[in-house]
N, C-alpha and C. Protein backbone atom coordinates (compact mmCIF):
# COMPACT_ATOMS: atom_id res chain seq x y z
N MET A 1 -3.81 38.36 -83.09
CA MET A 1 -3.48 39.17 -84.25
C MET A 1 -2.97 40.51 -83.79
N VAL A 2 -1.72 40.86 -84.23
CA VAL A 2 -1.10 42.12 -83.86
C VAL A 2 -1.09 43.08 -84.99
N PHE A 3 -1.51 44.33 -84.69
CA PHE A 3 -1.46 45.34 -85.74
C PHE A 3 -0.16 46.22 -85.52
N ARG A 4 0.75 46.15 -86.36
CA ARG A 4 1.99 46.92 -86.14
C ARG A 4 1.82 48.39 -86.26
N ASN A 5 0.76 48.83 -87.10
CA ASN A 5 0.59 50.28 -87.40
C ASN A 5 -0.54 50.83 -86.44
N ALA A 6 -0.92 50.06 -85.44
CA ALA A 6 -2.01 50.52 -84.57
C ALA A 6 -1.68 51.90 -83.90
N PRO A 7 -0.43 52.09 -83.36
CA PRO A 7 -0.14 53.37 -82.71
C PRO A 7 -0.27 54.52 -83.67
N LYS A 8 0.19 54.37 -84.96
CA LYS A 8 0.08 55.40 -85.95
C LYS A 8 -1.38 55.72 -86.37
N LEU A 9 -2.14 54.60 -86.46
CA LEU A 9 -3.50 54.71 -86.80
C LEU A 9 -4.26 55.40 -85.71
N ASN A 10 -4.04 55.03 -84.45
CA ASN A 10 -4.67 55.67 -83.30
C ASN A 10 -4.34 57.12 -83.25
N ALA A 11 -3.09 57.50 -83.55
CA ALA A 11 -2.71 58.95 -83.44
C ALA A 11 -3.43 59.65 -84.55
N HIS A 12 -3.58 59.07 -85.77
CA HIS A 12 -4.28 59.71 -86.82
C HIS A 12 -5.73 59.94 -86.48
N ILE A 13 -6.40 58.91 -85.89
CA ILE A 13 -7.82 59.07 -85.57
C ILE A 13 -7.96 60.11 -84.47
N PHE A 14 -6.99 60.22 -83.52
CA PHE A 14 -7.05 61.23 -82.52
C PHE A 14 -6.98 62.63 -83.07
N GLU A 15 -6.07 62.82 -84.05
CA GLU A 15 -5.90 64.11 -84.75
C GLU A 15 -7.21 64.47 -85.47
N VAL A 16 -7.84 63.52 -86.15
CA VAL A 16 -9.14 63.79 -86.94
C VAL A 16 -10.20 64.19 -85.89
N LEU A 17 -10.27 63.49 -84.73
CA LEU A 17 -11.29 63.80 -83.82
C LEU A 17 -11.06 65.17 -83.16
N LYS A 18 -9.81 65.57 -83.01
CA LYS A 18 -9.52 66.84 -82.38
C LYS A 18 -9.95 68.05 -83.24
N LYS A 19 -10.14 67.82 -84.51
CA LYS A 19 -10.56 68.96 -85.42
C LYS A 19 -12.03 69.08 -85.30
N LYS A 20 -12.41 70.33 -85.38
CA LYS A 20 -13.82 70.63 -85.33
C LYS A 20 -14.19 71.10 -86.72
N THR A 21 -15.38 70.50 -87.21
CA THR A 21 -15.78 70.87 -88.61
C THR A 21 -16.85 72.04 -88.42
N ILE A 22 -16.61 73.09 -89.23
CA ILE A 22 -17.49 74.21 -89.24
C ILE A 22 -18.22 74.16 -90.56
N MET A 23 -19.51 74.19 -90.55
CA MET A 23 -20.28 74.20 -91.78
C MET A 23 -20.69 75.64 -92.15
N GLU A 24 -20.47 75.92 -93.42
CA GLU A 24 -20.83 77.22 -93.98
C GLU A 24 -22.02 76.94 -94.90
N TYR A 25 -23.03 77.84 -94.86
CA TYR A 25 -24.17 77.69 -95.76
C TYR A 25 -24.35 78.87 -96.65
N LYS A 26 -24.96 78.54 -97.83
CA LYS A 26 -25.28 79.63 -98.77
C LYS A 26 -26.67 79.33 -99.28
N VAL A 27 -27.49 80.37 -99.32
CA VAL A 27 -28.90 80.19 -99.82
C VAL A 27 -29.07 81.16 -100.95
N ILE A 28 -29.58 80.63 -102.14
CA ILE A 28 -29.71 81.43 -103.29
C ILE A 28 -31.18 81.32 -103.79
N PRO A 29 -31.78 82.43 -104.17
CA PRO A 29 -33.15 82.28 -104.68
C PRO A 29 -33.15 81.68 -106.05
N PHE A 30 -34.16 80.84 -106.31
CA PHE A 30 -34.29 80.16 -107.60
C PHE A 30 -35.63 80.64 -108.20
N VAL A 31 -35.54 81.34 -109.29
CA VAL A 31 -36.72 81.70 -110.05
C VAL A 31 -36.56 81.27 -111.47
N ALA A 32 -37.32 80.23 -111.81
CA ALA A 32 -37.18 79.69 -113.19
C ALA A 32 -37.82 80.68 -114.14
N THR A 33 -37.27 80.79 -115.27
CA THR A 33 -37.90 81.62 -116.39
C THR A 33 -38.48 80.73 -117.45
N ALA A 34 -39.68 81.09 -117.87
CA ALA A 34 -40.32 80.29 -118.91
C ALA A 34 -41.28 81.18 -119.70
N ASN A 35 -41.56 80.77 -120.89
CA ASN A 35 -42.48 81.49 -121.69
C ASN A 35 -43.39 80.42 -122.37
N GLN A 36 -44.25 80.86 -123.24
CA GLN A 36 -45.21 79.89 -123.84
C GLN A 36 -44.57 78.78 -124.61
N GLN A 37 -43.34 79.08 -125.17
CA GLN A 37 -42.70 78.05 -125.93
C GLN A 37 -41.86 77.06 -125.13
N ASN A 38 -41.41 77.48 -123.99
CA ASN A 38 -40.58 76.48 -123.16
C ASN A 38 -41.04 76.37 -121.68
N MET A 39 -42.28 76.08 -121.52
CA MET A 39 -42.87 75.92 -120.11
C MET A 39 -42.76 74.56 -119.64
N SER A 40 -42.00 73.68 -120.25
CA SER A 40 -41.95 72.29 -119.82
C SER A 40 -41.26 72.15 -118.48
N ALA A 41 -41.61 71.05 -117.78
CA ALA A 41 -40.90 70.70 -116.52
C ALA A 41 -39.43 70.43 -116.82
N LYS A 42 -39.15 69.86 -117.98
CA LYS A 42 -37.76 69.64 -118.31
C LYS A 42 -36.96 70.91 -118.38
N ASN A 43 -37.44 71.93 -118.98
CA ASN A 43 -36.79 73.21 -119.06
C ASN A 43 -36.55 73.77 -117.67
N ILE A 44 -37.48 73.74 -116.80
CA ILE A 44 -37.40 74.19 -115.46
C ILE A 44 -36.31 73.42 -114.71
N ALA A 45 -36.34 72.06 -114.86
CA ALA A 45 -35.35 71.24 -114.21
C ALA A 45 -33.95 71.51 -114.69
N GLU A 46 -33.78 71.80 -115.97
CA GLU A 46 -32.46 72.10 -116.57
C GLU A 46 -31.95 73.41 -115.93
N GLN A 47 -32.81 74.40 -115.71
CA GLN A 47 -32.36 75.60 -115.13
C GLN A 47 -31.85 75.40 -113.67
N LEU A 48 -32.60 74.59 -112.90
CA LEU A 48 -32.19 74.21 -111.52
C LEU A 48 -30.85 73.43 -111.61
N ASP A 49 -30.74 72.51 -112.51
CA ASP A 49 -29.56 71.71 -112.66
C ASP A 49 -28.30 72.60 -112.94
N ASN A 50 -28.53 73.56 -113.82
CA ASN A 50 -27.36 74.48 -114.20
C ASN A 50 -26.97 75.27 -112.97
N LEU A 51 -27.91 75.76 -112.23
CA LEU A 51 -27.63 76.54 -110.94
C LEU A 51 -26.76 75.69 -110.03
N ILE A 52 -27.25 74.42 -109.83
CA ILE A 52 -26.56 73.48 -108.92
C ILE A 52 -25.17 73.22 -109.38
N LYS A 53 -24.99 72.95 -110.69
CA LYS A 53 -23.62 72.68 -111.21
C LYS A 53 -22.70 73.85 -111.06
N VAL A 54 -23.13 75.11 -111.26
CA VAL A 54 -22.31 76.27 -111.10
C VAL A 54 -21.72 76.35 -109.70
N HIS A 55 -22.62 76.08 -108.71
CA HIS A 55 -22.11 76.18 -107.31
C HIS A 55 -21.34 75.01 -106.79
N THR A 56 -21.72 73.80 -107.31
CA THR A 56 -20.96 72.63 -106.89
C THR A 56 -19.54 72.69 -107.49
N ASN A 57 -19.38 73.36 -108.67
CA ASN A 57 -18.01 73.48 -109.25
C ASN A 57 -17.22 74.48 -108.43
N ASP A 58 -17.81 75.28 -107.61
CA ASP A 58 -17.13 76.18 -106.74
C ASP A 58 -16.91 75.58 -105.35
N GLY A 59 -17.19 74.32 -105.21
CA GLY A 59 -16.94 73.65 -103.99
C GLY A 59 -18.14 73.49 -102.98
N TRP A 60 -19.26 73.95 -103.45
CA TRP A 60 -20.40 73.92 -102.57
C TRP A 60 -21.15 72.57 -102.76
N GLU A 61 -21.85 72.11 -101.78
CA GLU A 61 -22.56 70.89 -101.85
C GLU A 61 -24.10 71.25 -101.85
N TYR A 62 -24.82 70.79 -102.77
CA TYR A 62 -26.24 70.99 -102.84
C TYR A 62 -26.91 70.25 -101.66
N ILE A 63 -27.81 70.95 -100.94
CA ILE A 63 -28.49 70.29 -99.85
C ILE A 63 -29.96 70.08 -100.28
N ARG A 64 -30.72 71.13 -100.56
CA ARG A 64 -32.05 70.97 -100.90
C ARG A 64 -32.68 72.21 -101.57
N LEU A 65 -33.87 72.14 -101.99
CA LEU A 65 -34.67 73.26 -102.49
C LEU A 65 -35.77 73.49 -101.38
N GLU A 66 -35.79 74.76 -100.87
CA GLU A 66 -36.69 75.12 -99.81
C GLU A 66 -37.72 76.14 -100.38
N SER A 67 -38.95 76.00 -99.89
CA SER A 67 -39.96 76.98 -100.17
C SER A 67 -40.07 77.87 -98.89
N VAL A 68 -39.92 79.22 -99.14
CA VAL A 68 -40.06 80.14 -98.04
C VAL A 68 -41.29 81.06 -98.28
N SER A 69 -42.26 80.98 -97.31
CA SER A 69 -43.42 81.81 -97.52
C SER A 69 -43.28 83.11 -96.72
N THR A 70 -43.88 84.21 -97.21
CA THR A 70 -43.81 85.45 -96.56
C THR A 70 -45.09 86.22 -96.81
N TYR A 71 -45.39 87.14 -95.96
CA TYR A 71 -46.54 87.95 -96.09
C TYR A 71 -46.12 89.36 -96.62
N ILE A 72 -46.61 89.83 -97.75
CA ILE A 72 -46.37 91.10 -98.22
C ILE A 72 -47.39 92.12 -97.60
N GLN A 73 -46.89 93.16 -96.96
CA GLN A 73 -47.78 94.10 -96.26
C GLN A 73 -48.65 94.87 -97.25
N PRO A 74 -49.85 95.25 -96.90
CA PRO A 74 -50.66 96.03 -97.82
C PRO A 74 -50.14 97.42 -97.96
N VAL A 75 -50.50 98.10 -99.07
CA VAL A 75 -50.17 99.47 -99.31
C VAL A 75 -51.54 100.23 -99.11
N GLU A 76 -51.51 101.20 -98.19
CA GLU A 76 -52.79 101.88 -97.87
C GLU A 76 -53.18 102.87 -98.94
N GLY A 77 -52.33 103.49 -99.64
CA GLY A 77 -52.71 104.50 -100.63
C GLY A 77 -53.14 105.75 -99.95
N CYS A 78 -53.63 106.76 -100.78
CA CYS A 78 -54.08 107.98 -100.28
C CYS A 78 -55.52 108.17 -100.58
N PHE A 79 -56.37 108.32 -99.55
CA PHE A 79 -57.78 108.43 -99.73
C PHE A 79 -58.39 107.22 -100.43
N GLY A 80 -57.74 106.04 -100.25
CA GLY A 80 -58.32 104.83 -100.93
C GLY A 80 -57.74 104.60 -102.31
N LEU A 81 -57.07 105.58 -102.85
CA LEU A 81 -56.47 105.45 -104.20
C LEU A 81 -55.13 104.78 -104.11
N GLY A 82 -54.86 103.80 -104.95
CA GLY A 82 -53.60 103.15 -104.91
C GLY A 82 -53.48 102.05 -103.84
N HIS A 83 -54.61 101.78 -103.25
CA HIS A 83 -54.59 100.76 -102.12
C HIS A 83 -54.37 99.34 -102.80
N LYS A 84 -53.41 98.63 -102.18
CA LYS A 84 -53.16 97.22 -102.55
C LYS A 84 -53.27 96.39 -101.35
N PRO A 85 -54.05 95.30 -101.34
CA PRO A 85 -54.20 94.46 -100.23
C PRO A 85 -52.84 93.63 -99.96
N GLY A 86 -52.74 93.21 -98.73
CA GLY A 86 -51.62 92.36 -98.55
C GLY A 86 -51.85 90.93 -98.98
N TYR A 87 -50.80 90.16 -99.17
CA TYR A 87 -50.98 88.83 -99.70
C TYR A 87 -49.82 87.94 -99.30
N MET A 88 -49.98 86.66 -99.40
CA MET A 88 -48.93 85.70 -99.08
C MET A 88 -48.27 85.36 -100.49
N THR A 89 -46.95 85.09 -100.37
CA THR A 89 -46.23 84.66 -101.58
C THR A 89 -45.11 83.68 -101.04
N SER A 90 -44.62 82.92 -101.97
CA SER A 90 -43.51 82.06 -101.59
C SER A 90 -42.38 82.13 -102.59
N TYR A 91 -41.19 81.89 -102.09
CA TYR A 91 -40.02 81.91 -102.87
C TYR A 91 -39.31 80.60 -102.76
N GLN A 92 -38.68 80.17 -103.80
CA GLN A 92 -37.89 78.90 -103.83
C GLN A 92 -36.36 79.29 -103.57
N MET A 93 -35.80 78.61 -102.57
CA MET A 93 -34.44 78.91 -102.23
C MET A 93 -33.61 77.57 -102.33
N VAL A 94 -32.41 77.80 -102.96
CA VAL A 94 -31.56 76.58 -103.07
C VAL A 94 -30.55 76.69 -102.02
N VAL A 95 -30.36 75.62 -101.22
CA VAL A 95 -29.47 75.65 -100.06
C VAL A 95 -28.22 74.76 -100.42
N PHE A 96 -27.12 75.40 -100.16
CA PHE A 96 -25.76 74.70 -100.36
C PHE A 96 -25.05 74.80 -98.99
N SER A 97 -24.04 73.88 -98.90
CA SER A 97 -23.18 73.91 -97.69
C SER A 97 -21.78 73.52 -98.12
N LYS A 98 -20.89 73.95 -97.23
CA LYS A 98 -19.47 73.73 -97.46
C LYS A 98 -18.83 73.54 -96.08
N GLY A 99 -18.10 72.45 -95.86
CA GLY A 99 -17.47 72.16 -94.49
C GLY A 99 -16.02 72.61 -94.59
N GLU A 100 -15.62 73.22 -93.46
CA GLU A 100 -14.25 73.67 -93.37
C GLU A 100 -13.72 73.09 -92.06
N ASN A 101 -12.54 72.50 -92.05
CA ASN A 101 -11.86 72.02 -90.88
C ASN A 101 -11.22 73.21 -90.17
N GLU A 102 -11.60 73.38 -88.95
CA GLU A 102 -10.95 74.42 -88.14
C GLU A 102 -9.60 73.84 -87.66
N LYS A 103 -8.73 74.74 -87.33
CA LYS A 103 -7.41 74.34 -86.80
C LYS A 103 -7.61 73.40 -85.58
N SER A 104 -6.61 72.56 -85.40
CA SER A 104 -6.75 71.59 -84.28
C SER A 104 -7.03 72.38 -83.02
N ILE A 105 -7.85 71.78 -82.18
CA ILE A 105 -8.25 72.31 -80.93
C ILE A 105 -7.39 71.68 -79.87
N ASN A 106 -6.76 72.42 -78.94
CA ASN A 106 -5.99 71.84 -77.89
C ASN A 106 -6.97 71.07 -76.99
N SER A 107 -6.73 69.89 -76.76
CA SER A 107 -7.59 69.04 -76.02
C SER A 107 -6.81 68.23 -74.93
N SER A 108 -7.54 67.95 -73.87
CA SER A 108 -6.83 67.17 -72.80
C SER A 108 -7.03 65.69 -72.93
N TYR A 109 -7.72 65.26 -73.91
CA TYR A 109 -7.84 63.75 -74.04
C TYR A 109 -7.08 63.22 -75.13
């Protein structure tokens, strides 16, 4: 079996392999808002869905929702007044990515 377009196909594959893909990432905090009337999981999911749609419409690809924990330093206060102890808290971060093809790299192969 002979493939007449094999040289063209091989040249195309070679050009694709010569390109280097650079990934760009964007991380956005996600804080859902709710009150006594709309505390449902459906409401929270809709807020996350809307955030994802806004950024995917701009060419970003949704990767995942990450939880980032951090320690908030205590506030000493003055003579014990206004003292606030330190504590742990966590934030939800939405991670997006976008791939960009870099210009062809000169290669010896």
